[in-house]
Each structure stands twice: as C-alpha cells, then as structure tokens.
Amino acid sequence: TVSGLGTGFLSGRLLEAILTKLYRWGLRRTYRVFFHN
C-alpha cells in the first residue's frame, strides 16, 4: 500500500531519483500495489 509519497518526493530531484530506483527494485515482484489516489 502506497498511502502517500511522503516528503521524499517533495525533497528535490536527487532523493526522488533514488526513491524511484528503490521502489522499482522493491516492488518488482509484488502481486498488487494499492494506491490512495
């Protein structure tokens, strides 16, 4: 469940780029991802 993007996606491009890669790696095998919006 991604209940919100938190401050990570509001903290500049570098941290957003790092989080993007980490999320892509972490969620690659998940069955479903729930989003709140």
PDB file of all heavy atoms in Angstrom:
ATOM      1  N   THR A   1       0.847  -1.189   0.000  1.00  0.00           N
ATOM      2  CA  THR A   1       0.000   0.000   0.000  1.00  0.00           C
ATOM      3  C   THR A   1       0.884   1.240   0.000  1.00  0.00           C
ATOM      4  O   THR A   1       1.704   1.422   0.902  1.00  0.00           O
ATOM      5  CB  THR A   1      -0.936   0.036   1.219  1.00  0.00           C
ATOM      6  OG1 THR A   1      -1.846  -1.062   1.146  1.00  0.00           O
ATOM      7  CG2 THR A   1      -1.733   1.337   1.240  1.00  0.00           C
ATOM      8  N   VAL A   2       0.717   2.067  -1.019  1.00  0.00           N
ATOM      9  CA  VAL A   2       1.388   3.373  -1.077  1.00  0.00           C
ATOM     10  C   VAL A   2       0.351   4.395  -0.628  1.00  0.00           C
ATOM     11  O   VAL A   2      -0.466   4.866  -1.417  1.00  0.00           O
ATOM     12  CB  VAL A   2       1.903   3.678  -2.500  1.00  0.00           C
ATOM     13  CG1 VAL A   2       2.543   5.067  -2.547  1.00  0.00           C
ATOM     14  CG2 VAL A   2       2.910   2.616  -2.936  1.00  0.00           C
ATOM     15  N   SER A   3       0.351   4.700   0.660  1.00  0.00           N
ATOM     16  CA  SER A   3      -0.669   5.583   1.226  1.00  0.00           C
ATOM     17  C   SER A   3      -0.360   7.050   0.987  1.00  0.00           C
ATOM     18  O   SER A   3      -1.165   7.923   1.301  1.00  0.00           O
ATOM     19  CB  SER A   3      -0.816   5.319   2.733  1.00  0.00           C
ATOM     20  OG  SER A   3       0.432   5.455   3.384  1.00  0.00           O
ATOM     21  N   GLY A   4       0.785   7.319   0.418  1.00  0.00           N
ATOM     22  CA  GLY A   4       1.211   8.689   0.106  1.00  0.00           C
ATOM     23  C   GLY A   4       2.685   8.652  -0.223  1.00  0.00           C
ATOM     24  O   GLY A   4       3.385   7.718   0.167  1.00  0.00           O
ATOM     25  N   LEU A   5       3.156   9.657  -0.930  1.00  0.00           N
ATOM     26  CA  LEU A   5       4.554   9.658  -1.341  1.00  0.00           C
ATOM     27  C   LEU A   5       5.472  10.251  -0.290  1.00  0.00           C
ATOM     28  O   LEU A   5       6.683  10.168  -0.412  1.00  0.00           O
ATOM     29  CB  LEU A   5       4.712  10.418  -2.662  1.00  0.00           C
ATOM     30  CG  LEU A   5       3.916   9.834  -3.837  1.00  0.00           C
ATOM     31  CD1 LEU A   5       4.282  10.553  -5.121  1.00  0.00           C
ATOM     32  CD2 LEU A   5       4.167   8.341  -3.975  1.00  0.00           C
ATOM     33  N   GLY A   6       4.900  10.855   0.753  1.00  0.00           N
ATOM     34  CA  GLY A   6       5.737  11.393   1.824  1.00  0.00           C
ATOM     35  C   GLY A   6       6.587  12.553   1.357  1.00  0.00           C
ATOM     36  O   GLY A   6       6.440  13.070   0.249  1.00  0.00           O
ATOM     37  N   THR A   7       7.514  12.948   2.210  1.00  0.00           N
ATOM     38  CA  THR A   7       8.351  14.103   1.887  1.00  0.00           C
ATOM     39  C   THR A   7       9.457  13.760   0.909  1.00  0.00           C
ATOM     40  O   THR A   7      10.080  14.645   0.334  1.00  0.00           O
ATOM     41  CB  THR A   7       8.982  14.677   3.176  1.00  0.00           C
ATOM     42  OG1 THR A   7       9.780  13.653   3.794  1.00  0.00           O
ATOM     43  CG2 THR A   7       7.907  15.125   4.145  1.00  0.00           C
ATOM     44  N   GLY A   8       9.721  12.457   0.707  1.00  0.00           N
ATOM     45  CA  GLY A   8      10.794  12.051  -0.193  1.00  0.00           C
ATOM     46  C   GLY A   8      10.611  12.571  -1.603  1.00  0.00           C
ATOM     47  O   GLY A   8      11.569  12.992  -2.262  1.00  0.00           O
ATOM     48  N   PHE A   9       9.375  12.571  -2.094  1.00  0.00           N
ATOM     49  CA  PHE A   9       9.096  13.044  -3.445  1.00  0.00           C
ATOM     50  C   PHE A   9       8.879  14.560  -3.478  1.00  0.00           C
ATOM     51  O   PHE A   9       8.540  15.107  -4.526  1.00  0.00           O
ATOM     52  CB  PHE A   9       7.877  12.317  -4.004  1.00  0.00           C
ATOM     53  CG  PHE A   9       8.189  10.943  -4.534  1.00  0.00           C
ATOM     54  CD1 PHE A   9       8.287   9.861  -3.676  1.00  0.00           C
ATOM     55  CD2 PHE A   9       8.412  10.734  -5.890  1.00  0.00           C
ATOM     56  CE1 PHE A   9       8.582   8.592  -4.156  1.00  0.00           C
ATOM     57  CE2 PHE A   9       8.708   9.474  -6.382  1.00  0.00           C
ATOM     58  CZ  PHE A   9       8.795   8.396  -5.515  1.00  0.00           C
ATOM     59  N   LEU A  10       9.056  15.217  -2.345  1.00  0.00           N
ATOM     60  CA  LEU A  10       8.954  16.677  -2.291  1.00  0.00           C
ATOM     61  C   LEU A  10      10.281  17.309  -1.884  1.00  0.00           C
ATOM     62  O   LEU A  10      10.340  18.485  -1.578  1.00  0.00           O
ATOM     63  CB  LEU A  10       7.878  17.096  -1.272  1.00  0.00           C
ATOM     64  CG  LEU A  10       6.439  16.671  -1.577  1.00  0.00           C
ATOM     65  CD1 LEU A  10       5.550  16.961  -0.379  1.00  0.00           C
ATOM     66  CD2 LEU A  10       5.905  17.371  -2.809  1.00  0.00           C
ATOM     67  N   SER A  11      11.345  16.498  -1.916  1.00  0.00           N
ATOM     68  CA  SER A  11      12.627  16.953  -1.366  1.00  0.00           C
ATOM     69  C   SER A  11      13.712  17.136  -2.420  1.00  0.00           C
ATOM     70  O   SER A  11      14.889  17.112  -2.108  1.00  0.00           O
ATOM     71  CB  SER A  11      13.116  15.955  -0.300  1.00  0.00           C
ATOM     72  OG  SER A  11      12.173  15.824   0.735  1.00  0.00           O
ATOM     73  N   GLY A  12      13.320  17.299  -3.662  1.00  0.00           N
ATOM     74  CA  GLY A  12      14.318  17.532  -4.706  1.00  0.00           C
ATOM     75  C   GLY A  12      14.509  16.319  -5.597  1.00  0.00           C
ATOM     76  O   GLY A  12      14.117  15.200  -5.271  1.00  0.00           O
ATOM     77  N   ARG A  13      15.119  16.558  -6.749  1.00  0.00           N
ATOM     78  CA  ARG A  13      15.207  15.529  -7.779  1.00  0.00           C
ATOM     79  C   ARG A  13      16.113  14.374  -7.393  1.00  0.00           C
ATOM     80  O   ARG A  13      15.865  13.227  -7.784  1.00  0.00           O
ATOM     81  CB  ARG A  13      15.698  16.166  -9.076  1.00  0.00           C
ATOM     82  CG  ARG A  13      14.690  17.124  -9.713  1.00  0.00           C
ATOM     83  CD  ARG A  13      15.191  17.667 -11.036  1.00  0.00           C
ATOM     84  NE  ARG A  13      14.194  18.540 -11.660  1.00  0.00           N
ATOM     85  CZ  ARG A  13      14.381  19.150 -12.826  1.00  0.00           C
ATOM     86  NH1 ARG A  13      15.529  18.990 -13.475  1.00  0.00           N
ATOM     87  NH2 ARG A  13      13.432  19.911 -13.319  1.00  0.00           N
ATOM     88  N   LEU A  14      17.195  14.660  -6.662  1.00  0.00           N
ATOM     89  CA  LEU A  14      18.139  13.588  -6.334  1.00  0.00           C
ATOM     90  C   LEU A  14      17.483  12.522  -5.472  1.00  0.00           C
ATOM     91  O   LEU A  14      17.544  11.320  -5.788  1.00  0.00           O
ATOM     92  CB  LEU A  14      19.375  14.159  -5.622  1.00  0.00           C
ATOM     93  CG  LEU A  14      20.416  13.116  -5.171  1.00  0.00           C
ATOM     94  CD1 LEU A  14      20.940  12.328  -6.364  1.00  0.00           C
ATOM     95  CD2 LEU A  14      21.563  13.799  -4.433  1.00  0.00           C
ATOM     96  N   LEU A  15      16.833  12.946  -4.370  1.00  0.00           N
ATOM     97  CA  LEU A  15      16.185  11.981  -3.495  1.00  0.00           C
ATOM     98  C   LEU A  15      15.030  11.291  -4.211  1.00  0.00           C
ATOM     99  O   LEU A  15      14.824  10.078  -4.040  1.00  0.00           O
ATOM    100  CB  LEU A  15      15.679  12.676  -2.226  1.00  0.00           C
ATOM    101  CG  LEU A  15      15.076  11.756  -1.153  1.00  0.00           C
ATOM    102  CD1 LEU A  15      16.051  10.650  -0.772  1.00  0.00           C
ATOM    103  CD2 LEU A  15      14.684  12.567   0.079  1.00  0.00           C
ATOM    104  N   GLU A  16      14.307  12.013  -5.044  1.00  0.00           N
ATOM    105  CA  GLU A  16      13.219  11.399  -5.804  1.00  0.00           C
ATOM    106  C   GLU A  16      13.757  10.328  -6.745  1.00  0.00           C
ATOM    107  O   GLU A  16      13.163   9.252  -6.887  1.00  0.00           O
ATOM    108  CB  GLU A  16      12.455  12.456  -6.602  1.00  0.00           C
ATOM    109  CG  GLU A  16      11.285  11.884  -7.393  1.00  0.00           C
ATOM    110  CD  GLU A  16      10.516  12.946  -8.172  1.00  0.00           C
ATOM    111  OE1 GLU A  16      10.651  14.133  -7.840  1.00  0.00           O
ATOM    112  OE2 GLU A  16       9.782  12.563  -9.099  1.00  0.00           O
ATOM    113  N   ALA A  17      14.907  10.600  -7.387  1.00  0.00           N
ATOM    114  CA  ALA A  17      15.501   9.620  -8.297  1.00  0.00           C
ATOM    115  C   ALA A  17      15.939   8.366  -7.546  1.00  0.00           C
ATOM    116  O   ALA A  17      15.752   7.244  -8.024  1.00  0.00           O
ATOM    117  CB  ALA A  17      16.679  10.243  -9.031  1.00  0.00           C
ATOM    118  N   ILE A  18      16.507   8.554  -6.357  1.00  0.00           N
ATOM    119  CA  ILE A  18      16.943   7.407  -5.553  1.00  0.00           C
ATOM    120  C   ILE A  18      15.741   6.580  -5.123  1.00  0.00           C
ATOM    121  O   ILE A  18      15.735   5.345  -5.225  1.00  0.00           O
ATOM    122  CB  ILE A  18      17.753   7.886  -4.328  1.00  0.00           C
ATOM    123  CG1 ILE A  18      19.077   8.521  -4.777  1.00  0.00           C
ATOM    124  CG2 ILE A  18      18.024   6.727  -3.373  1.00  0.00           C
ATOM    125  CD1 ILE A  18      19.842   9.195  -3.663  1.00  0.00           C
ATOM    126  N   LEU A  19      14.699   7.260  -4.639  1.00  0.00           N
ATOM    127  CA  LEU A  19      13.492   6.553  -4.211  1.00  0.00           C
ATOM    128  C   LEU A  19      12.836   5.805  -5.364  1.00  0.00           C
ATOM    129  O   LEU A  19      12.324   4.696  -5.187  1.00  0.00           O
ATOM    130  CB  LEU A  19      12.505   7.535  -3.592  1.00  0.00           C
ATOM    131  CG  LEU A  19      12.775   7.957  -2.147  1.00  0.00           C
ATOM    132  CD1 LEU A  19      11.828   9.068  -1.737  1.00  0.00           C
ATOM    133  CD2 LEU A  19      12.635   6.773  -1.207  1.00  0.00           C
ATOM    134  N   THR A  20      12.857   6.411  -6.542  1.00  0.00           N
ATOM    135  CA  THR A  20      12.268   5.760  -7.710  1.00  0.00           C
ATOM    136  C   THR A  20      12.958   4.434  -7.992  1.00  0.00           C
ATOM    137  O   THR A  20      12.302   3.404  -8.216  1.00  0.00           O
ATOM    138  CB  THR A  20      12.370   6.677  -8.939  1.00  0.00           C
ATOM    139  OG1 THR A  20      11.584   7.855  -8.711  1.00  0.00           O
ATOM    140  CG2 THR A  20      11.869   5.977 -10.192  1.00  0.00           C
ATOM    141  N   LYS A  21      14.279   4.426  -7.966  1.00  0.00           N
ATOM    142  CA  LYS A  21      15.033   3.196  -8.214  1.00  0.00           C
ATOM    143  C   LYS A  21      14.778   2.167  -7.117  1.00  0.00           C
ATOM    144  O   LYS A  21      14.632   0.968  -7.389  1.00  0.00           O
ATOM    145  CB  LYS A  21      16.527   3.515  -8.328  1.00  0.00           C
ATOM    146  CG  LYS A  21      16.911   4.300  -9.576  1.00  0.00           C
ATOM    147  CD  LYS A  21      18.406   4.529  -9.648  1.00  0.00           C
ATOM    148  CE  LYS A  21      18.789   5.331 -10.887  1.00  0.00           C
ATOM    149  NZ  LYS A  21      18.448   4.607 -12.143  1.00  0.00           N
ATOM    150  N   LEU A  22      14.732   2.625  -5.874  1.00  0.00           N
ATOM    151  CA  LEU A  22      14.497   1.700  -4.767  1.00  0.00           C
ATOM    152  C   LEU A  22      13.103   1.095  -4.834  1.00  0.00           C
ATOM    153  O   LEU A  22      12.918  -0.118  -4.640  1.00  0.00           O
ATOM    154  CB  LEU A  22      14.697   2.419  -3.436  1.00  0.00           C
ATOM    155  CG  LEU A  22      16.146   2.742  -3.055  1.00  0.00           C
ATOM    156  CD1 LEU A  22      16.189   3.618  -1.805  1.00  0.00           C
ATOM    157  CD2 LEU A  22      16.950   1.461  -2.829  1.00  0.00           C
ATOM    158  N   TYR A  23      12.089   1.926  -5.104  1.00  0.00           N
ATOM    159  CA  TYR A  23      10.730   1.405  -5.232  1.00  0.00           C
ATOM    160  C   TYR A  23      10.642   0.410  -6.392  1.00  0.00           C
ATOM    161  O   TYR A  23       9.994  -0.634  -6.275  1.00  0.00           O
ATOM    162  CB  TYR A  23       9.743   2.546  -5.467  1.00  0.00           C
ATOM    163  CG  TYR A  23       9.104   3.114  -4.219  1.00  0.00           C
ATOM    164  CD1 TYR A  23       9.272   4.456  -3.863  1.00  0.00           C
ATOM    165  CD2 TYR A  23       8.296   2.325  -3.412  1.00  0.00           C
ATOM    166  CE1 TYR A  23       8.672   4.994  -2.733  1.00  0.00           C
ATOM    167  CE2 TYR A  23       7.692   2.844  -2.276  1.00  0.00           C
ATOM    168  CZ  TYR A  23       7.878   4.177  -1.947  1.00  0.00           C
ATOM    169  OH  TYR A  23       7.282   4.686  -0.822  1.00  0.00           O
ATOM    170  N   ARG A  24      11.270   0.745  -7.508  1.00  0.00           N
ATOM    171  CA  ARG A  24      11.226  -0.148  -8.668  1.00  0.00           C
ATOM    172  C   ARG A  24      11.827  -1.505  -8.329  1.00  0.00           C
ATOM    173  O   ARG A  24      11.311  -2.551  -8.732  1.00  0.00           O
ATOM    174  CB  ARG A  24      11.963   0.511  -9.834  1.00  0.00           C
ATOM    175  CG  ARG A  24      11.747  -0.163 -11.188  1.00  0.00           C
ATOM    176  CD  ARG A  24      12.505   0.592 -12.262  1.00  0.00           C
ATOM    177  NE  ARG A  24      11.942   1.925 -12.459  1.00  0.00           N
ATOM    178  CZ  ARG A  24      12.670   3.001 -12.765  1.00  0.00           C
ATOM    179  NH1 ARG A  24      13.985   2.913 -12.850  1.00  0.00           N
ATOM    180  NH2 ARG A  24      12.074   4.163 -12.954  1.00  0.00           N
ATOM    181  N   TRP A  25      12.916  -1.478  -7.572  1.00  0.00           N
ATOM    182  CA  TRP A  25      13.574  -2.722  -7.152  1.00  0.00           C
ATOM    183  C   TRP A  25      12.728  -3.483  -6.140  1.00  0.00           C
ATOM    184  O   TRP A  25      12.529  -4.692  -6.254  1.00  0.00           O
ATOM    185  CB  TRP A  25      14.949  -2.385  -6.560  1.00  0.00           C
ATOM    186  CG  TRP A  25      15.623  -3.521  -5.847  1.00  0.00           C
ATOM    187  CD1 TRP A  25      16.172  -4.645  -6.392  1.00  0.00           C
ATOM    188  CD2 TRP A  25      15.825  -3.621  -4.426  1.00  0.00           C
ATOM    189  NE1 TRP A  25      16.701  -5.451  -5.414  1.00  0.00           N
ATOM    190  CE2 TRP A  25      16.508  -4.850  -4.198  1.00  0.00           C
ATOM    191  CE3 TRP A  25      15.513  -2.812  -3.344  1.00  0.00           C
ATOM    192  CZ2 TRP A  25      16.871  -5.265  -2.922  1.00  0.00           C
ATOM    193  CZ3 TRP A  25      15.872  -3.227  -2.071  1.00  0.00           C
ATOM    194  CH2 TRP A  25      16.538  -4.439  -1.867  1.00  0.00           C
ATOM    195  N   GLY A  26      12.172  -2.768  -5.161  1.00  0.00           N
ATOM    196  CA  GLY A  26      11.429  -3.421  -4.097  1.00  0.00           C
ATOM    197  C   GLY A  26      10.091  -3.988  -4.542  1.00  0.00           C
ATOM    198  O   GLY A  26       9.654  -5.025  -4.039  1.00  0.00           O
ATOM    199  N   LEU A  27       9.420  -3.327  -5.494  1.00  0.00           N
ATOM    200  CA  LEU A  27       8.070  -3.715  -5.879  1.00  0.00           C
ATOM    201  C   LEU A  27       8.018  -4.581  -7.135  1.00  0.00           C
ATOM    202  O   LEU A  27       6.930  -4.903  -7.621  1.00  0.00           O
ATOM    203  CB  LEU A  27       7.207  -2.456  -6.107  1.00  0.00           C
ATOM    204  CG  LEU A  27       7.057  -1.507  -4.924  1.00  0.00           C
ATOM    205  CD1 LEU A  27       6.159  -0.333  -5.300  1.00  0.00           C
ATOM    206  CD2 LEU A  27       6.523  -2.211  -3.691  1.00  0.00           C
ATOM    207  N   ARG A  28       9.161  -4.978  -7.643  1.00  0.00           N
ATOM    208  CA  ARG A  28       9.188  -5.669  -8.934  1.00  0.00           C
ATOM    209  C   ARG A  28       8.430  -6.989  -8.915  1.00  0.00           C
ATOM    210  O   ARG A  28       7.895  -7.425  -9.931  1.00  0.00           O
ATOM    211  CB  ARG A  28      10.637  -5.884  -9.393  1.00  0.00           C
ATOM    212  CG  ARG A  28      11.407  -6.905  -8.556  1.00  0.00           C
ATOM    213  CD  ARG A  28      12.907  -6.806  -8.813  1.00  0.00           C
ATOM    214  NE  ARG A  28      13.652  -7.880  -8.150  1.00  0.00           N
ATOM    215  CZ  ARG A  28      13.914  -7.921  -6.848  1.00  0.00           C
ATOM    216  NH1 ARG A  28      13.490  -6.937  -6.067  1.00  0.00           N
ATOM    217  NH2 ARG A  28      14.600  -8.929  -6.337  1.00  0.00           N
ATOM    218  N   ARG A  29       8.375  -7.668  -7.757  1.00  0.00           N
ATOM    219  CA  ARG A  29       7.742  -8.982  -7.683  1.00  0.00           C
ATOM    220  C   ARG A  29       6.432  -8.970  -6.901  1.00  0.00           C
ATOM    221  O   ARG A  29       5.845 -10.023  -6.685  1.00  0.00           O
ATOM    222  CB  ARG A  29       8.708  -9.987  -7.031  1.00  0.00           C
ATOM    223  CG  ARG A  29      10.006 -10.218  -7.789  1.00  0.00           C
ATOM    224  CD  ARG A  29       9.774 -10.981  -9.083  1.00  0.00           C
ATOM    225  NE  ARG A  29       9.224 -12.305  -8.830  1.00  0.00           N
ATOM    226  CZ  ARG A  29       9.955 -13.369  -8.521  1.00  0.00           C
ATOM    227  NH1 ARG A  29      11.270 -13.270  -8.409  1.00  0.00           N
ATOM    228  NH2 ARG A  29       9.372 -14.547  -8.330  1.00  0.00           N
ATOM    229  N   THR A  30       5.991  -7.805  -6.463  1.00  0.00           N
ATOM    230  CA  THR A  30       4.775  -7.764  -5.657  1.00  0.00           C
ATOM    231  C   THR A  30       3.546  -8.100  -6.499  1.00  0.00           C
ATOM    232  O   THR A  30       3.520  -7.848  -7.713  1.00  0.00           O
ATOM    233  CB  THR A  30       4.614  -6.378  -5.001  1.00  0.00           C
ATOM    234  OG1 THR A  30       3.606  -6.443  -3.998  1.00  0.00           O
ATOM    235  CG2 THR A  30       4.212  -5.329  -6.025  1.00  0.00           C
ATOM    236  N   TYR A  31       2.536  -8.682  -5.855  1.00  0.00           N
ATOM    237  CA  TYR A  31       1.340  -9.109  -6.580  1.00  0.00           C
ATOM    238  C   TYR A  31       0.460  -7.913  -6.942  1.00  0.00           C
ATOM    239  O   TYR A  31       0.057  -7.752  -8.094  1.00  0.00           O
ATOM    240  CB  TYR A  31       0.561 -10.119  -5.740  1.00  0.00           C
ATOM    241  CG  TYR A  31      -0.689 -10.646  -6.411  1.00  0.00           C
ATOM    242  CD1 TYR A  31      -0.606 -11.509  -7.506  1.00  0.00           C
ATOM    243  CD2 TYR A  31      -1.959 -10.290  -5.947  1.00  0.00           C
ATOM    244  CE1 TYR A  31      -1.747 -11.988  -8.124  1.00  0.00           C
ATOM    245  CE2 TYR A  31      -3.104 -10.776  -6.558  1.00  0.00           C
ATOM    246  CZ  TYR A  31      -2.994 -11.625  -7.649  1.00  0.00           C
ATOM    247  OH  TYR A  31      -4.130 -12.111  -8.254  1.00  0.00           O
ATOM    248  N   ARG A  32       0.142  -7.084  -5.974  1.00  0.00           N
ATOM    249  CA  ARG A  32      -0.658  -5.883  -6.219  1.00  0.00           C
ATOM    250  C   ARG A  32      -0.130  -4.745  -5.339  1.00  0.00           C
ATOM    251  O   ARG A  32       0.328  -4.968  -4.220  1.00  0.00           O
ATOM    252  CB  ARG A  32      -2.138  -6.112  -5.905  1.00  0.00           C
ATOM    253  CG  ARG A  32      -2.845  -7.089  -6.839  1.00  0.00           C
ATOM    254  CD  ARG A  32      -3.038  -6.521  -8.228  1.00  0.00           C
ATOM    255  NE  ARG A  32      -3.800  -7.442  -9.066  1.00  0.00           N
ATOM    256  CZ  ARG A  32      -3.260  -8.387  -9.832  1.00  0.00           C
ATOM    257  NH1 ARG A  32      -1.941  -8.532  -9.859  1.00  0.00           N
ATOM    258  NH2 ARG A  32      -4.038  -9.170 -10.568  1.00  0.00           N
ATOM    259  N   VAL A  33      -0.264  -3.523  -5.859  1.00  0.00           N
ATOM    260  CA  VAL A  33       0.092  -2.320  -5.106  1.00  0.00           C
ATOM    261  C   VAL A  33      -1.153  -1.439  -5.020  1.00  0.00           C
ATOM    262  O   VAL A  33      -1.707  -1.035  -6.044  1.00  0.00           O
ATOM    263  CB  VAL A  33       1.243  -1.539  -5.774  1.00  0.00           C
ATOM    264  CG1 VAL A  33       1.594  -0.299  -4.942  1.00  0.00           C
ATOM    265  CG2 VAL A  33       2.465  -2.428  -5.952  1.00  0.00           C
ATOM    266  N   PHE A  34      -1.602  -1.166  -3.801  1.00  0.00           N
ATOM    267  CA  PHE A  34      -2.763  -0.312  -3.573  1.00  0.00           C
ATOM    268  C   PHE A  34      -2.297   1.144  -3.480  1.00  0.00           C
ATOM    269  O   PHE A  34      -1.356   1.450  -2.747  1.00  0.00           O
ATOM    270  CB  PHE A  34      -3.472  -0.692  -2.274  1.00  0.00           C
ATOM    271  CG  PHE A  34      -4.128  -2.047  -2.302  1.00  0.00           C
ATOM    272  CD1 PHE A  34      -3.419  -3.187  -1.963  1.00  0.00           C
ATOM    273  CD2 PHE A  34      -5.459  -2.173  -2.666  1.00  0.00           C
ATOM    274  CE1 PHE A  34      -4.028  -4.432  -1.978  1.00  0.00           C
ATOM    275  CE2 PHE A  34      -6.078  -3.410  -2.685  1.00  0.00           C
ATOM    276  CZ  PHE A  34      -5.356  -4.546  -2.356  1.00  0.00           C
ATOM    277  N   PHE A  35      -2.985   2.016  -4.194  1.00  0.00           N
ATOM    278  CA  PHE A  35      -2.723   3.455  -4.123  1.00  0.00           C
ATOM    279  C   PHE A  35      -3.963   4.156  -3.588  1.00  0.00           C
ATOM    280  O   PHE A  35      -5.091   3.730  -3.848  1.00  0.00           O
ATOM    281  CB  PHE A  35      -2.373   4.023  -5.507  1.00  0.00           C
ATOM    282  CG  PHE A  35      -1.085   3.512  -6.077  1.00  0.00           C
ATOM    283  CD1 PHE A  35      -1.061   2.372  -6.870  1.00  0.00           C
ATOM    284  CD2 PHE A  35       0.108   4.155  -5.811  1.00  0.00           C
ATOM    285  CE1 PHE A  35       0.121   1.888  -7.396  1.00  0.00           C
ATOM    286  CE2 PHE A  35       1.307   3.689  -6.332  1.00  0.00           C
ATOM    287  CZ  PHE A  35       1.317   2.544  -7.124  1.00  0.00           C
ATOM    288  N   HIS A  36      -3.742   5.269  -2.876  1.00  0.00           N
ATOM    289  CA  HIS A  36      -4.850   6.002  -2.288  1.00  0.00           C
ATOM    290  C   HIS A  36      -5.391   7.107  -3.189  1.00  0.00           C
ATOM    291  O   HIS A  36      -6.400   7.731  -2.862  1.00  0.00           O
ATOM    292  CB  HIS A  36      -4.454   6.582  -0.937  1.00  0.00           C
ATOM    293  CG  HIS A  36      -4.416   5.560   0.151  1.00  0.00           C
ATOM    294  ND1 HIS A  36      -4.185   5.870   1.480  1.00  0.00           N
ATOM    295  CD2 HIS A  36      -4.603   4.217   0.130  1.00  0.00           C
ATOM    296  CE1 HIS A  36      -4.221   4.757   2.202  1.00  0.00           C
ATOM    297  NE2 HIS A  36      -4.465   3.749   1.404  1.00  0.00           N
ATOM    298  N   ASN A  37      -4.708   7.371  -4.293  1.00  0.00           N
ATOM    299  CA  ASN A  37      -5.241   8.339  -5.253  1.00  0.00           C
ATOM    300  C   ASN A  37      -4.648   8.077  -6.629  1.00  0.00           C
ATOM    301  O   ASN A  37      -3.614   7.415  -6.759  1.00  0.00           O
ATOM    302  CB  ASN A  37      -4.981   9.790  -4.805  1.00  0.00           C
ATOM    303  CG  ASN A  37      -3.505  10.131  -4.741  1.00  0.00           C
ATOM    304  OD1 ASN A  37      -2.822  10.165  -5.757  1.00  0.00           O
ATOM    305  ND2 ASN A  37      -3.006  10.400  -3.533  1.00  0.00           N
TER     306      ASN A  37
END
